[in-house]
């Protein structure tokens, strides 16, 4: 079997057979592939995106968004209330993330154990797996803060807030600042630099530009995975069948539930796709009196969790605050301006400072997440209305970010909300933010952290998979990615997925010897 198979070049139908099929090549899929292949199993990784590497990363925003992300990084929710940003390339979102690696908060893990009864995920039990992930992906503290991140620490310190440096998974980072467009020097320790090349040295093949359509099954066993080329307009449309002893779904939140839904798997309680969380992001833009140049350096290296648990785990929506890598197109999309206002905004670009909050969802009865459903073509659509609980979190986080930016010396601050103009002081901002309307399309919000949709738990009546990632109703189907999380995390998810994928894949490798 060829090590690399580009489905867009196939001229005829293809049947393959291995021990494990893994759908998805990101944090969950790549990690699982390496562990299973090193244990001696034959593995096929199926990836919908193209296989691009450092030589292909030209750091041009528009073309890169179209090549490396689902729907050009603008995948909309059902009501178009916000967009979801997900990688669509070999290596998944690990290729385009900002290398932020924050360990799962103890509060989250305690909630899973105490409130949901999920065992095996305490902070102590995951400690060794975080150590495994840390070593494998070179996760280390980062202190070389650019001014964009440094200003967050300045404001937080003046206000007496907790803040800390963010660990990053990099080696010999050149601090180019465009991590979201792929790393052209292979400093980012993504799956295309680490686990996938390692797995390919073993009995592993990578089938890319390949859409996993559905699992074909009978009784309680998956027979094979049915795939087709993912590039539309191919001269031929060959059918691909991959037979295996075991099947792992690692396509991430939204795409993993979609695959299970397309497969029409047993789901007596209609749980597949439910409880999909987003850790919604909203933004605050400040003009500083001196240059910030937020587009150079590590995009994120400082975070404040001052408000993450302020009202308790199950109270009002908590949020953390981080900086934003302020590349041109990213920043221009935060304000919808024309004429002289746009001209002034562009001219102020070097002095702009940008913060983002991540709103923790899934810990409160008013925060049940969204639902992934399929449209008529079988494509996933996330239905996630912005209810009062989330809107309250957005408003309070706008207030916190503005206060921090004024404390750091901002001339003006404006939420990424087109209903208001820049505020010139904290008192004015406080009044304006408390009164402003928060709704689409005026309010610019998105998510780069979709999670859930295949929630893990002990009972088939309340969860899709068990705590080992095994699908409740099939004996040879597993899910290993962020879609199994029963709530959001409260922090960027990559480190957690690396650690939990290492734990679950290692268990699988041992059990099937």
Protein backbone atom coordinates (compact mmCIF):
# COMPACT_ATOMS: atom_id res chain seq x y z
CA UNK A 1 0.00 0.00 0.00
CA UNK A 2 1.27 3.48 -0.88
CA UNK A 3 2.19 5.69 2.08
CA UNK A 4 0.55 8.77 0.55
CA UNK A 5 -2.63 8.55 -1.50
CA UNK A 6 -4.22 11.68 -2.99
CA UNK A 7 -7.82 10.68 -3.66
CA UNK A 8 -8.23 13.44 -6.24
CA UNK A 9 -5.91 11.46 -8.55
CA UNK A 10 -7.68 8.13 -8.24
CA UNK A 11 -9.01 6.75 -11.53
CA UNK A 12 -10.86 3.70 -10.21
CA UNK A 13 -12.50 2.34 -7.10
CA UNK A 14 -10.21 1.44 -4.22
CA UNK A 15 -10.54 -1.12 -1.42
CA UNK A 16 -8.11 -1.12 1.50
CA UNK A 17 -7.81 -3.10 4.72
CA UNK A 18 -5.96 -2.31 7.97
CA UNK A 19 -6.16 -2.74 11.72
CA UNK A 20 -7.26 0.85 12.45
CA UNK A 21 -8.89 3.56 10.36
CA UNK A 22 -8.63 7.07 11.77
CA UNK A 23 -10.84 9.79 10.29
CA UNK A 24 -9.10 13.12 10.83
CA UNK A 25 -5.43 14.02 11.21
CA UNK A 26 -5.49 16.79 13.81
CA UNK A 27 -4.71 16.78 17.52
CA UNK A 28 -6.75 13.65 18.21
CA UNK A 29 -6.18 11.76 14.97
CA UNK A 30 -2.49 12.44 14.51
CA UNK A 31 -1.69 11.60 18.12
CA UNK A 32 -3.69 8.36 17.94
CA UNK A 33 -2.09 7.36 14.64
CA UNK A 34 1.44 7.64 16.00
CA UNK A 35 0.69 5.68 19.17
CA UNK A 36 -1.10 2.86 17.35
CA UNK A 37 1.44 2.63 14.56
CA UNK A 38 4.34 2.54 17.04
CA UNK A 39 2.52 -0.34 18.77
CA UNK A 40 2.74 -2.32 15.54
CA UNK A 41 -0.73 -1.85 14.07
CA UNK A 42 -1.46 -1.03 10.46
CA UNK A 43 -3.22 2.32 10.22
CA UNK A 44 -4.89 4.47 7.56
CA UNK A 45 -5.45 8.16 8.28
CA UNK A 46 -8.28 9.72 6.27
CA UNK A 47 -8.14 13.50 5.81
CA UNK A 48 -10.60 15.66 3.92
CA UNK A 49 -8.08 18.44 3.30
CA UNK A 50 -4.95 18.66 1.19
CA UNK A 51 -1.45 17.77 2.37
CA UNK A 52 0.43 21.06 2.65
CA UNK A 53 3.76 21.57 4.36
CA UNK A 54 6.10 24.40 5.28
CA UNK A 55 7.16 25.02 1.69
CA UNK A 56 3.53 25.73 0.79
CA UNK A 57 2.90 28.31 3.52
CA UNK A 58 3.32 31.71 1.86
CA UNK A 59 1.63 33.66 4.71
CA UNK A 60 -0.89 35.28 2.36
CA UNK A 61 -4.08 35.60 4.37
CA UNK A 62 -6.90 35.32 1.87
CA UNK A 63 -5.57 32.42 -0.18
CA UNK A 64 -4.43 30.56 2.93
CA UNK A 65 -7.84 30.85 4.61
CA UNK A 66 -9.41 29.34 1.51
CA UNK A 67 -6.88 26.48 1.35
CA UNK A 68 -6.42 25.49 4.97
CA UNK A 69 -9.78 26.18 6.63
CA UNK A 70 -13.36 24.99 6.28
CA UNK A 71 -15.31 27.50 4.21
CA UNK A 72 -12.45 29.98 4.18
CA UNK A 73 -12.51 30.25 8.02
CA UNK A 74 -16.10 31.52 7.93
CA UNK A 75 -18.23 28.41 8.52
CA UNK A 76 -21.56 29.93 9.64
CA UNK A 77 -24.03 28.77 12.26
CA UNK A 78 -27.62 28.09 11.23
CA UNK A 79 -28.83 31.62 11.98
CA UNK A 80 -25.57 33.23 10.73
CA UNK A 81 -25.09 34.59 14.26
CA UNK A 82 -21.38 33.79 14.23
CA UNK A 83 -18.75 31.80 12.36
CA UNK A 84 -16.71 28.76 13.38
CA UNK A 85 -13.05 28.58 12.39
CA UNK A 86 -11.69 25.05 11.80
CA UNK A 87 -8.64 23.73 9.98
CA UNK A 88 -9.17 21.63 6.86
CA UNK A 89 -5.76 20.24 5.98
CA UNK A 90 -3.50 17.35 6.92
CA UNK A 91 -2.70 18.08 10.56
CA UNK A 92 -6.06 19.79 11.06
CA UNK A 93 -6.26 22.83 13.27
CA UNK A 94 -2.82 22.10 14.76
CA UNK A 95 -1.38 23.49 11.52
CA UNK A 96 -3.16 26.83 11.86
CA UNK A 97 -3.58 27.35 15.59
CA UNK A 98 -1.60 29.93 17.54
CA UNK A 99 0.38 27.33 19.56
CA UNK A 100 -1.39 28.19 22.83
CA UNK A 101 -1.17 25.19 25.17
CA UNK A 102 -2.95 25.72 28.50
CA UNK A 103 -3.67 22.78 30.77
CA UNK A 104 -7.29 21.92 31.53
CA UNK A 105 -8.46 23.82 34.61
CA UNK A 106 -9.00 21.69 37.72
CA UNK A 107 -12.46 23.21 38.04
CA UNK A 108 -13.48 21.74 34.69
CA UNK A 109 -12.20 18.28 35.51
CA UNK A 110 -13.81 18.34 38.95
CA UNK A 111 -17.13 19.26 37.36
CA UNK A 112 -16.83 16.28 35.02
CA UNK A 113 -16.14 13.95 37.92
CA UNK A 114 -18.47 15.30 40.60
CA UNK A 115 -21.43 16.55 38.56
CA UNK A 116 -21.27 14.14 35.60
CA UNK A 117 -19.76 11.10 37.29
CA UNK A 118 -16.96 10.68 34.74
CA UNK A 119 -14.00 8.81 36.23
CA UNK A 120 -10.40 8.74 35.08
CA UNK A 121 -10.08 12.44 34.25
CA UNK A 122 -9.05 14.04 37.50
CA UNK A 123 -6.16 16.47 37.47
CA UNK A 124 -3.97 13.87 39.17
CA UNK A 125 -4.96 11.05 36.79
CA UNK A 126 -4.24 13.20 33.72
CA UNK A 127 -0.96 14.56 35.07
CA UNK A 128 1.20 11.88 33.46
CA UNK A 129 -0.61 12.28 30.14
CA UNK A 130 -0.03 16.02 30.14
CA UNK A 131 3.63 15.19 30.71
CA UNK A 132 3.58 12.82 27.71
CA UNK A 133 2.00 15.51 25.54
CA UNK A 134 4.36 18.17 26.82
CA UNK A 135 7.41 16.15 25.82
CA UNK A 136 6.01 14.99 22.48
CA UNK A 137 4.94 18.44 21.32
CA UNK A 138 7.67 20.50 22.99
CA UNK A 139 5.27 22.48 25.16
CA UNK A 140 7.25 24.99 27.19
CA UNK A 141 6.67 28.34 28.93
CA UNK A 142 7.09 31.37 26.67
CA UNK A 143 8.35 34.68 28.01
CA UNK A 144 9.24 36.59 24.82
CA UNK A 145 6.04 38.66 24.83
CA UNK A 146 5.33 41.09 22.02
CA UNK A 147 3.81 44.44 22.96
CA UNK A 148 0.29 43.24 22.21
CA UNK A 149 0.59 40.56 24.91
CA UNK A 150 2.70 42.71 27.20
CA UNK A 151 -0.06 45.33 27.37
CA UNK A 152 -2.48 42.70 28.65
CA UNK A 153 -0.10 41.98 31.53
CA UNK A 154 0.37 45.72 32.17
CA UNK A 155 -3.38 46.31 32.44
CA UNK A 156 -3.99 43.17 34.48
CA UNK A 157 -1.21 44.03 36.92
CA UNK A 158 -2.53 47.56 37.48
CA UNK A 159 -5.99 46.17 38.18
CA UNK A 160 -4.73 43.43 40.48
CA UNK A 161 -5.91 40.60 38.20
CA UNK A 162 -4.39 37.15 37.92
CA UNK A 163 -2.40 36.67 34.73
CA UNK A 164 0.33 34.34 33.53
CA UNK A 165 2.52 33.45 30.59
CA UNK A 166 1.14 30.90 28.14
CA UNK A 167 3.11 27.76 27.26
CA UNK A 168 3.56 27.17 23.51
CA UNK A 169 4.38 24.08 21.44
CA UNK A 170 7.29 25.42 19.38
CA UNK A 171 10.97 24.82 18.69
CA UNK A 172 13.26 27.58 17.48
CA UNK A 173 10.38 29.96 16.85
CA UNK A 174 11.22 32.91 14.59
CA UNK A 175 8.29 34.92 15.98
CA UNK A 176 6.93 35.75 12.52
CA UNK A 177 3.49 36.35 14.02
CA UNK A 178 1.43 34.59 11.34
CA UNK A 179 0.88 31.24 13.06
CA UNK A 180 -2.69 31.07 11.78
CA UNK A 181 -1.40 30.69 8.23
CA UNK A 182 0.85 27.69 8.82
CA UNK A 183 4.46 27.77 9.96
CA UNK A 184 6.93 28.17 7.04
CA UNK A 185 9.94 27.29 9.22
CA UNK A 186 8.47 24.21 10.97
CA UNK A 187 8.88 25.76 14.39
CA UNK A 188 5.29 24.98 15.34
CA UNK A 189 5.16 21.39 16.54
CA UNK A 190 1.96 20.56 14.68
CA UNK A 191 0.96 17.09 13.54
CA UNK A 192 2.64 17.56 10.15
CA UNK A 193 5.96 18.06 11.92
CA UNK A 194 5.55 15.48 14.71
CA UNK A 195 3.13 12.57 14.76
CA UNK A 196 2.21 12.14 11.10
CA UNK A 197 5.77 11.84 9.72
CA UNK A 198 6.51 9.50 12.64
CA UNK A 199 3.46 7.32 11.90
CA UNK A 200 4.28 7.20 8.19
CA UNK A 201 7.59 5.52 9.03
CA UNK A 202 5.57 2.60 10.37
CA UNK A 203 2.67 0.65 8.84
CA UNK A 204 0.62 3.78 8.27
CA UNK A 205 -0.77 5.36 5.12
CA UNK A 206 -2.29 8.80 4.66
CA UNK A 207 -5.29 9.13 2.39
CA UNK A 208 -5.90 12.85 1.81
CA UNK A 209 -8.30 14.98 -0.22
CA UNK A 210 -10.69 12.27 0.92
CA UNK A 211 -14.16 12.78 2.37
CA UNK A 212 -15.35 10.19 4.87
CA UNK A 213 -18.99 9.84 3.86
CA UNK A 214 -20.27 7.19 6.25
CA UNK A 215 -19.60 4.06 8.24
CA UNK A 216 -21.30 1.01 6.78
CA UNK A 217 -22.37 -1.36 9.55
CA UNK A 218 -24.54 -4.29 10.48
CA UNK A 219 -25.83 -5.34 13.86
CA UNK A 220 -23.31 -3.77 16.30
CA UNK A 221 -20.18 -3.76 14.15
CA UNK A 222 -18.72 -1.31 11.63
CA UNK A 223 -17.87 -3.18 8.42
CA UNK A 224 -16.09 -0.46 6.46
CA UNK A 225 -15.70 3.28 5.97
CA UNK A 226 -17.05 4.61 2.68
CA UNK A 227 -15.20 7.59 1.21
CA UNK A 228 -15.02 9.68 -1.96
CA UNK A 229 -12.58 12.33 -3.21
CA UNK A 230 -13.29 15.63 -1.44
CA UNK A 231 -12.30 17.87 -4.35
CA UNK A 232 -15.37 18.65 -6.41
CA UNK A 233 -15.09 18.60 -10.17
CA UNK A 234 -12.89 15.52 -10.39
CA UNK A 235 -13.23 13.80 -13.74
CA UNK A 236 -14.06 10.59 -11.96
CA UNK A 237 -15.77 9.92 -8.65
CA UNK A 238 -14.22 6.67 -7.49
CA UNK A 239 -15.58 4.89 -4.46
CA UNK A 240 -13.23 4.10 -1.61
CA UNK A 241 -13.92 1.39 0.95
CA UNK A 242 -11.64 0.93 3.94
CA UNK A 243 -12.14 -2.24 5.94
CA UNK A 244 -10.68 -2.43 9.43
CA UNK A 245 -10.92 -4.13 12.78
CA UNK A 246 -11.36 -0.80 14.56
CA UNK A 247 -12.52 2.66 13.51
CA UNK A 248 -11.60 5.93 15.21
CA UNK A 249 -13.42 9.19 14.53
CA UNK A 250 -11.14 12.19 15.08
CA UNK A 251 -12.63 14.81 12.78
CA UNK A 252 -13.34 17.31 15.56
CA UNK A 253 -16.50 18.91 16.89
CA UNK A 254 -19.09 19.47 14.13
CA UNK A 255 -17.40 17.07 11.66
CA UNK A 256 -17.24 14.01 13.93
CA UNK A 257 -20.91 14.20 14.93
CA UNK A 258 -21.74 14.76 11.26
CA UNK A 259 -20.01 11.54 10.22
CA UNK A 260 -21.90 9.57 12.86
CA UNK A 261 -25.17 11.17 11.79
CA UNK A 262 -24.55 10.41 8.10
CA UNK A 263 -23.88 6.81 9.09
CA UNK A 264 -27.30 6.55 10.72
CA UNK A 265 -25.80 4.80 13.71
CA UNK A 266 -28.00 3.65 16.58
CA UNK A 267 -28.89 6.73 18.62
CA UNK A 268 -32.01 5.88 20.63
CA UNK A 269 -31.83 9.05 22.71
CA UNK A 270 -30.94 11.40 19.82
CA UNK A 271 -27.72 12.54 21.50
CA UNK A 272 -25.31 12.69 18.54
CA UNK A 273 -24.63 16.33 17.74
CA UNK A 274 -26.18 17.63 20.98
CA UNK A 275 -24.25 19.65 23.58
CA UNK A 276 -21.87 21.20 21.08
CA UNK A 277 -19.98 24.04 22.74
CA UNK A 278 -17.99 26.89 21.23
CA UNK A 279 -16.19 28.94 23.90
CA UNK A 280 -17.47 31.98 22.04
CA UNK A 281 -14.90 34.67 21.24
CA UNK A 282 -15.56 38.40 21.29
CA UNK A 283 -13.04 41.17 20.78
CA UNK A 284 -11.98 44.60 22.03
CA UNK A 285 -9.85 46.98 19.97
CA UNK A 286 -7.80 49.77 21.57
CA UNK A 287 -5.70 52.50 20.02
CA UNK A 288 -2.52 53.00 22.01
CA UNK A 289 -0.44 56.21 22.06
CA UNK A 290 2.65 54.36 20.78
CA UNK A 291 3.12 51.52 18.23
CA UNK A 292 2.08 48.01 19.22
CA UNK A 293 2.77 46.10 16.00
CA UNK A 294 0.52 43.27 17.14
CA UNK A 295 1.14 41.35 13.93
CA UNK A 296 4.75 40.47 14.92
CA UNK A 297 5.80 37.96 17.56
CA UNK A 298 3.97 35.11 19.23
CA UNK A 299 0.25 35.82 18.72
CA UNK A 300 -0.68 34.68 22.24
CA UNK A 301 1.67 34.47 25.21
CA UNK A 302 -0.23 36.07 28.13
CA UNK A 303 -3.63 35.11 29.55
CA UNK A 304 -5.77 36.25 32.47
CA UNK A 305 -8.20 33.82 34.10
CA UNK A 306 -9.41 36.43 36.61
CA UNK A 307 -13.01 36.03 35.46
CA UNK A 308 -13.04 32.36 34.46
CA UNK A 309 -14.58 31.13 37.74
CA UNK A 310 -15.57 34.46 39.31
CA UNK A 311 -19.19 33.39 39.84
CA UNK A 312 -18.45 29.76 40.59
CA UNK A 313 -18.31 26.83 38.19
CA UNK A 314 -22.06 26.73 37.52
CA UNK A 315 -22.77 30.44 37.91
CA UNK A 316 -22.80 33.14 35.24
CA UNK A 317 -20.70 32.59 32.13
CA UNK A 318 -17.02 32.79 33.00
CA UNK A 319 -14.33 33.84 30.55
CA UNK A 320 -10.60 34.17 30.19
CA UNK A 321 -8.84 36.97 28.33
CA UNK A 322 -6.00 36.67 25.82
CA UNK A 323 -4.36 38.79 23.13
CA UNK A 324 -5.11 38.51 19.41
CA UNK A 325 -2.54 38.13 16.66
CA UNK A 326 -3.50 41.25 14.73
CA UNK A 327 -2.89 40.33 11.10
CA UNK A 328 -4.40 42.78 8.58
CA UNK A 329 -7.45 40.84 7.38
CA UNK A 330 -8.21 39.55 10.87
CA UNK A 331 -8.16 43.07 12.26
CA UNK A 332 -10.12 44.64 9.42
CA UNK A 333 -12.94 42.16 9.98
CA UNK A 334 -13.40 43.35 13.56
CA UNK A 335 -14.77 46.74 12.47
CA UNK A 336 -17.20 47.27 9.60
CA UNK A 337 -16.27 50.77 8.49
CA UNK A 338 -16.34 52.84 5.30
CA UNK A 339 -15.05 56.19 4.13
CA UNK A 340 -13.08 58.41 6.50
CA UNK A 341 -13.71 56.14 9.49
CA UNK A 342 -12.16 53.22 7.65
CA UNK A 343 -9.26 55.37 6.46
CA UNK A 344 -8.52 56.47 10.02
CA UNK A 345 -8.80 52.91 11.32
CA UNK A 346 -6.30 51.63 8.76
CA UNK A 347 -3.85 54.45 9.49
CA UNK A 348 -3.98 53.61 13.19
CA UNK A 349 -3.18 49.96 12.48
CA UNK A 350 0.38 49.90 13.96
CA UNK A 351 -0.97 51.28 17.27
CA UNK A 352 -3.93 48.91 17.62
CA UNK A 353 -4.10 46.52 20.55
CA UNK A 354 -6.60 43.66 20.47
CA UNK A 355 -7.94 41.42 23.23
CA UNK A 356 -10.26 38.42 22.99
CA UNK A 357 -12.36 36.68 25.60
CA UNK A 358 -13.38 33.02 25.54
CA UNK A 359 -16.72 32.43 27.16
CA UNK A 360 -16.98 29.14 29.04
CA UNK A 361 -20.21 27.30 28.14
CA UNK A 362 -21.79 24.03 29.25
CA UNK A 363 -21.66 24.31 33.05
CA UNK A 364 -25.08 25.86 33.62
CA UNK A 365 -28.65 24.78 32.89
CA UNK A 366 -29.00 27.88 30.72
CA UNK A 367 -25.94 26.87 28.71
CA UNK A 368 -26.74 23.58 27.00
CA UNK A 369 -24.72 24.31 23.87
CA UNK A 370 -25.84 23.94 20.29
CA UNK A 371 -26.82 21.07 18.04
CA UNK A 372 -25.10 19.75 14.92
CA UNK A 373 -27.57 18.67 12.25
CA UNK A 374 -27.24 17.72 8.60
CA UNK A 375 -28.65 19.65 5.67
CA UNK A 376 -30.13 17.91 2.63
CA UNK A 377 -26.66 17.34 1.19
CA UNK A 378 -25.43 15.72 4.40
CA UNK A 379 -23.30 18.73 5.34
CA UNK A 380 -23.15 19.70 9.02
CA UNK A 381 -24.85 22.84 10.29
CA UNK A 382 -24.43 24.05 13.87
CA UNK A 383 -27.54 25.51 15.45
CA UNK A 384 -26.33 27.65 18.38
CA UNK A 385 -28.55 30.62 19.29
CA UNK A 386 -26.92 33.35 21.36
CA UNK A 387 -29.21 33.27 24.39
CA UNK A 388 -29.32 35.67 27.36
CA UNK A 389 -26.74 33.61 29.28
CA UNK A 390 -24.14 33.98 26.52
CA UNK A 391 -25.02 37.62 25.80
CA UNK A 392 -24.48 38.43 29.48
CA UNK A 393 -21.04 36.85 29.25
CA UNK A 394 -20.24 38.84 26.11
CA UNK A 395 -21.22 42.12 27.77
CA UNK A 396 -19.26 41.49 30.97
CA UNK A 397 -16.18 40.41 29.03
CA UNK A 398 -16.38 43.56 26.87
CA UNK A 399 -16.34 45.56 30.10
CA UNK A 400 -13.36 43.66 31.47
CA UNK A 401 -11.33 43.97 28.28
CA UNK A 402 -12.02 47.71 27.98
CA UNK A 403 -11.08 48.31 31.61
CA UNK A 404 -7.82 46.41 31.11
CA UNK A 405 -6.94 48.34 27.95
CA UNK A 406 -7.58 51.73 29.54
CA UNK A 407 -5.50 50.63 32.54
CA UNK A 408 -2.71 49.82 30.07
CA UNK A 409 -2.84 53.36 28.67
CA UNK A 410 -5.28 53.21 25.74
CA UNK A 411 -6.34 56.44 24.01
CA UNK A 412 -9.60 54.86 22.86
CA UNK A 413 -11.30 51.48 23.17
CA UNK A 414 -14.11 50.04 21.10
CA UNK A 415 -15.76 46.62 21.32
CA UNK A 416 -15.93 44.74 18.02
CA UNK A 417 -19.52 45.91 17.80
CA UNK A 418 -20.67 48.23 15.04
CA UNK A 419 -23.42 49.75 17.19
CA UNK A 420 -20.91 51.95 19.03
CA UNK A 421 -17.99 54.27 18.32
CA UNK A 422 -14.66 54.29 20.16
CA UNK A 423 -14.80 55.38 23.80
CA UNK A 424 -12.22 57.84 25.11
CA UNK A 425 -12.17 56.80 28.79
CA UNK A 426 -13.22 53.96 31.08
CA UNK A 427 -16.29 55.71 32.52
CA UNK A 428 -17.61 56.40 29.04
CA UNK A 429 -16.87 52.83 27.93
CA UNK A 430 -18.59 51.35 30.97
CA UNK A 431 -21.78 53.28 30.34
CA UNK A 432 -21.73 52.62 26.59
CA UNK A 433 -21.07 48.88 26.86
CA UNK A 434 -23.76 48.41 29.50
CA UNK A 435 -26.31 50.06 27.21
CA UNK A 436 -25.30 48.81 23.77
CA UNK A 437 -27.26 46.22 21.81
CA UNK A 438 -25.51 42.88 21.41
CA UNK A 439 -26.81 40.97 18.43
CA UNK A 440 -25.81 39.76 14.97
CA UNK A 441 -24.68 41.20 12.60
CA UNK A 442 -23.47 44.24 14.58
CA UNK A 443 -21.60 42.20 17.17
CA UNK A 444 -18.52 40.47 15.76
CA UNK A 445 -18.15 37.09 17.49
CA UNK A 446 -16.78 33.74 16.38
CA UNK A 447 -15.37 30.48 17.68
CA UNK A 448 -12.08 28.73 17.03
CA UNK A 449 -12.76 26.16 19.77
CA UNK A 450 -15.83 24.08 18.93
CA UNK A 451 -16.09 21.15 21.35
CA UNK A 452 -18.58 18.43 22.18
CA UNK A 453 -21.31 16.90 20.06
CA UNK A 454 -20.28 13.34 20.97
CA UNK A 455 -20.26 13.79 24.73
CA UNK A 456 -18.65 11.10 26.86
CA UNK A 457 -20.35 9.65 29.91
CA UNK A 458 -21.20 6.46 31.72
CA UNK A 459 -24.67 5.83 30.35
CA UNK A 460 -25.99 5.47 26.77
CA UNK A 461 -29.03 7.38 28.00
CA UNK A 462 -27.02 10.56 28.54
CA UNK A 463 -23.89 10.25 26.39
CA UNK A 464 -22.61 9.16 22.98
CA UNK A 465 -19.36 7.47 24.01
CA UNK A 466 -18.04 6.00 27.24
CA UNK A 467 -15.09 7.51 29.15
CA UNK A 468 -12.71 5.46 26.97
CA UNK A 469 -14.10 7.02 23.81
CA UNK A 470 -15.97 3.88 22.74
CA UNK A 471 -19.27 4.49 20.97
CA UNK A 472 -21.97 2.99 23.17
CA UNK A 473 -23.79 1.06 20.45
CA UNK A 474 -20.91 -0.31 18.31
CA UNK A 475 -18.19 -2.66 19.48
CA UNK A 476 -15.44 -1.40 17.16
CA UNK A 477 -16.06 2.36 16.90
CA UNK A 478 -14.29 5.02 18.96
CA UNK A 479 -14.19 8.81 19.06
CA UNK A 480 -10.92 10.46 20.06
CA UNK A 481 -11.04 14.24 19.73
CA UNK A 482 -12.56 17.33 21.33
CA UNK A 483 -16.07 16.25 20.39
CA UNK A 484 -16.17 13.86 23.37
CA UNK A 485 -15.83 16.68 25.93
CA UNK A 486 -19.09 16.97 27.93
CA UNK A 487 -18.60 20.74 28.41
CA UNK A 488 -16.25 23.36 27.08
CA UNK A 489 -12.91 23.66 28.87
CA UNK A 490 -12.51 27.34 29.66
CA UNK A 491 -9.12 27.41 27.91
CA UNK A 492 -7.69 26.72 24.45
CA UNK A 493 -8.26 23.00 23.82
CA UNK A 494 -5.20 21.67 21.97
CA UNK A 495 -3.17 20.64 25.04
CA UNK A 496 -6.15 18.83 26.53
CA UNK A 497 -6.81 16.95 23.28
CA UNK A 498 -3.14 15.95 22.98
CA UNK A 499 -3.16 14.56 26.53
CA UNK A 500 -6.51 12.76 26.37
CA UNK A 501 -5.81 11.34 22.90
CA UNK A 502 -2.52 9.97 24.26
CA UNK A 503 -4.39 8.35 27.16
CA UNK A 504 -7.17 6.80 25.05
CA UNK A 505 -5.00 5.65 22.13
CA UNK A 506 -2.49 4.03 24.50
CA UNK A 507 -5.31 2.13 26.16
CA UNK A 508 -6.61 0.99 22.77
CA UNK A 509 -3.15 -0.16 21.70
CA UNK A 510 -2.76 -2.29 24.83
CA UNK A 511 -6.26 -3.77 24.75
CA UNK A 512 -6.03 -5.07 21.20
CA UNK A 513 -2.68 -6.81 21.35
